[in-house]
N, C-alpha and C. Protein backbone atom coordinates (compact mmCIF):
# COMPACT_ATOMS: atom_id res chain seq x y z
N MET A 1 -11.08 47.82 -31.46
CA MET A 1 -10.00 48.25 -30.64
C MET A 1 -9.13 47.21 -30.17
N ASP A 2 -8.45 47.62 -30.39
CA ASP A 2 -7.16 45.82 -30.24
C ASP A 2 -6.13 46.50 -29.16
N SER A 3 -5.98 45.92 -27.86
CA SER A 3 -5.48 46.53 -26.40
C SER A 3 -4.13 46.75 -26.87
N SER A 4 -3.47 45.31 -27.42
CA SER A 4 -1.90 45.08 -27.80
C SER A 4 -1.85 46.39 -28.23
N GLU A 5 -2.58 47.51 -29.25
CA GLU A 5 -1.14 48.11 -30.02
C GLU A 5 -1.04 49.01 -29.12
N PHE A 6 -1.91 49.59 -27.45
CA PHE A 6 -1.07 50.21 -26.32
C PHE A 6 -0.17 49.93 -25.35
N ILE A 7 0.60 48.58 -26.02
CA ILE A 7 1.63 48.40 -24.86
C ILE A 7 2.80 48.90 -25.68
N GLY A 8 3.80 48.81 -24.60
CA GLY A 8 4.81 50.04 -24.75
C GLY A 8 4.31 51.09 -25.13
N LEU A 9 3.23 52.12 -25.15
CA LEU A 9 3.54 53.33 -25.43
C LEU A 9 3.84 53.84 -23.64
N THR A 10 4.19 55.49 -24.19
CA THR A 10 4.29 56.05 -22.82
C THR A 10 2.82 56.74 -22.59
N LYS A 11 2.46 57.00 -21.49
CA LYS A 11 0.64 57.25 -20.88
C LYS A 11 0.62 58.52 -22.05
N ARG A 12 1.32 59.80 -22.30
CA ARG A 12 0.87 60.11 -23.16
C ARG A 12 0.17 60.28 -24.94
N THR A 13 1.60 59.22 -24.85
CA THR A 13 0.91 58.32 -26.47
C THR A 13 -0.30 56.96 -26.92
N ALA A 14 -0.70 56.73 -25.13
CA ALA A 14 -1.29 56.27 -25.30
C ALA A 14 -3.09 56.59 -25.41
N GLN A 15 -2.92 57.85 -24.07
CA GLN A 15 -3.75 58.76 -24.11
C GLN A 15 -4.55 59.40 -25.47
N ASP A 16 -3.58 60.05 -26.03
CA ASP A 16 -3.56 60.10 -27.76
C ASP A 16 -4.15 59.29 -28.42
N LYS A 17 -3.58 58.19 -27.97
CA LYS A 17 -4.16 56.60 -29.38
C LYS A 17 -5.68 56.35 -28.97
N ALA A 18 -6.01 56.63 -27.81
CA ALA A 18 -7.17 56.66 -26.88
C ALA A 18 -8.44 57.89 -27.73
N GLU A 19 -7.74 58.81 -27.61
CA GLU A 19 -8.55 60.38 -27.94
C GLU A 19 -8.81 59.72 -29.61
N ALA A 20 -8.00 59.29 -30.37
CA ALA A 20 -8.41 59.30 -31.88
C ALA A 20 -8.80 58.64 -31.71
N LYS A 21 -9.27 57.38 -32.01
CA LYS A 21 -10.31 55.98 -31.41
C LYS A 21 -11.53 56.60 -30.67
N ASN A 22 -11.93 57.64 -30.34
CA ASN A 22 -13.10 58.53 -29.61
C ASN A 22 -12.87 57.16 -28.51
N ALA A 23 -11.86 56.75 -27.73
CA ALA A 23 -12.37 56.06 -26.49
C ALA A 23 -12.05 56.26 -25.35
N ILE A 24 -12.17 55.93 -24.12
CA ILE A 24 -12.35 55.98 -22.83
C ILE A 24 -10.59 55.43 -22.40
N PHE A 25 -9.78 56.95 -21.95
CA PHE A 25 -8.55 56.00 -21.10
C PHE A 25 -8.87 56.21 -19.60
N ARG A 26 -8.58 54.86 -19.39
CA ARG A 26 -8.63 54.96 -17.78
C ARG A 26 -7.35 54.34 -16.93
N LEU A 27 -6.48 55.24 -16.77
CA LEU A 27 -5.91 54.63 -15.86
C LEU A 27 -5.89 53.86 -14.64
N ILE A 28 -5.08 52.22 -14.72
CA ILE A 28 -5.39 51.71 -13.46
C ILE A 28 -4.74 51.67 -12.65
N ARG A 29 -2.62 51.56 -13.05
CA ARG A 29 -1.79 51.86 -11.75
C ARG A 29 -0.82 52.18 -12.82
N ILE A 30 -0.01 52.92 -11.70
CA ILE A 30 1.39 53.29 -12.38
C ILE A 30 2.85 52.36 -11.39
N ASP A 31 3.25 52.23 -11.91
CA ASP A 31 3.96 51.12 -10.93
C ASP A 31 3.70 50.84 -9.69
N ASP A 32 3.69 51.08 -8.12
CA ASP A 32 3.10 50.81 -7.44
C ASP A 32 1.47 51.52 -6.89
N ARG A 33 1.50 52.00 -7.71
CA ARG A 33 1.02 53.03 -7.10
C ARG A 33 -0.64 52.45 -8.37
N ALA A 34 -1.83 52.37 -7.34
CA ALA A 34 -2.67 51.67 -8.09
C ALA A 34 -4.35 52.94 -7.88
N PHE A 35 -5.14 53.59 -9.24
CA PHE A 35 -5.65 54.28 -8.69
C PHE A 35 -7.51 54.21 -8.45
N PHE A 36 -6.92 52.40 -9.04
CA PHE A 36 -8.59 51.92 -8.18
C PHE A 36 -8.45 50.74 -7.42
N ASP A 37 -9.66 50.80 -6.50
CA ASP A 37 -9.70 49.50 -5.66
C ASP A 37 -9.58 48.44 -6.46
N TYR A 38 -10.11 47.84 -7.63
CA TYR A 38 -10.38 47.07 -8.56
C TYR A 38 -9.93 46.87 -9.21
N PRO A 39 -9.05 45.79 -9.78
CA PRO A 39 -8.44 46.07 -11.10
C PRO A 39 -9.11 46.91 -12.20
N LEU A 40 -9.71 46.49 -12.48
CA LEU A 40 -10.67 46.85 -13.77
C LEU A 40 -12.51 46.71 -13.40
N PRO A 41 -13.27 48.25 -13.89
CA PRO A 41 -14.41 48.14 -13.77
C PRO A 41 -14.89 46.94 -14.34
N ASP A 42 -16.27 47.19 -13.68
CA ASP A 42 -17.54 46.19 -13.46
C ASP A 42 -18.23 46.03 -14.82
N ASP A 43 -18.34 46.99 -15.44
CA ASP A 43 -19.05 47.33 -16.63
C ASP A 43 -18.61 47.08 -17.74
N VAL A 44 -19.16 46.42 -18.60
CA VAL A 44 -18.59 46.07 -20.39
C VAL A 44 -18.17 47.39 -20.98
N ARG A 45 -17.21 47.66 -22.16
CA ARG A 45 -17.66 48.57 -23.29
C ARG A 45 -16.59 48.38 -24.03
N THR A 46 -16.73 48.33 -25.10
CA THR A 46 -15.78 48.14 -26.38
C THR A 46 -15.02 49.33 -26.43
N ASP A 47 -15.55 51.07 -25.75
CA ASP A 47 -14.84 52.10 -26.01
C ASP A 47 -14.01 52.71 -24.85
N ARG A 48 -13.74 51.74 -23.97
CA ARG A 48 -12.90 52.05 -22.98
C ARG A 48 -11.80 51.32 -23.09
N VAL A 49 -10.38 52.04 -22.86
CA VAL A 49 -9.12 51.19 -21.98
C VAL A 49 -8.82 51.28 -21.51
N CYS A 50 -8.49 50.34 -20.99
CA CYS A 50 -7.99 50.06 -19.09
C CYS A 50 -5.79 50.20 -19.53
N VAL A 51 -5.36 51.06 -18.50
CA VAL A 51 -4.16 50.70 -19.29
C VAL A 51 -3.42 50.46 -18.06
N GLU A 52 -2.42 49.31 -17.58
CA GLU A 52 -1.31 49.83 -16.31
C GLU A 52 -0.25 49.35 -16.87
N ILE A 53 1.16 51.09 -16.04
CA ILE A 53 2.05 51.70 -16.49
C ILE A 53 3.00 51.26 -15.72
N GLU A 54 4.32 50.76 -16.30
CA GLU A 54 5.76 50.41 -15.31
C GLU A 54 6.72 51.06 -15.84
N ASN A 55 7.65 51.83 -15.18
CA ASN A 55 8.61 52.42 -16.04
C ASN A 55 8.63 53.36 -16.88
N GLY A 56 7.58 54.00 -16.57
CA GLY A 56 7.21 55.00 -18.34
C GLY A 56 6.35 54.30 -19.11
N ALA A 57 6.29 52.81 -18.86
CA ALA A 57 5.56 52.63 -20.09
C ALA A 57 4.66 51.46 -19.67
N VAL A 58 3.45 51.54 -20.89
CA VAL A 58 2.35 50.56 -20.58
C VAL A 58 2.61 49.46 -21.28
N VAL A 59 2.68 48.31 -19.96
CA VAL A 59 3.01 46.74 -20.25
C VAL A 59 2.06 46.09 -19.70
N LYS A 60 0.60 46.43 -19.85
CA LYS A 60 -1.03 45.80 -19.65
C LYS A 60 -2.30 46.91 -20.01
N ALA A 61 -2.88 46.21 -21.39
CA ALA A 61 -4.29 47.35 -22.17
C ALA A 61 -4.83 46.10 -21.88
N ALA A 62 -6.28 46.81 -21.69
CA ALA A 62 -7.21 45.76 -22.14
C ALA A 62 -8.40 46.51 -22.12
N VAL A 63 -9.46 46.18 -23.30
CA VAL A 63 -10.39 46.95 -23.99
C VAL A 63 -11.18 46.37 -22.69
N GLN A 64 -12.44 47.48 -22.00
CA GLN A 64 -13.30 46.69 -21.08
C GLN A 64 -14.10 47.84 -20.63
């Protein structure tokens, strides 16, 4: 899975894309609101996409 394909998508569209790929969708940050103490999880997985959203669009995504 290529994380760059999530850049620019809305939260809902990114969630739908992750679900279609049988991947876990993890929201890391929306604007100034962080959802986790650490930006990315410690464990490494190939079926999880972690995203950061600004102004309604994904600006950063990582398969992690």
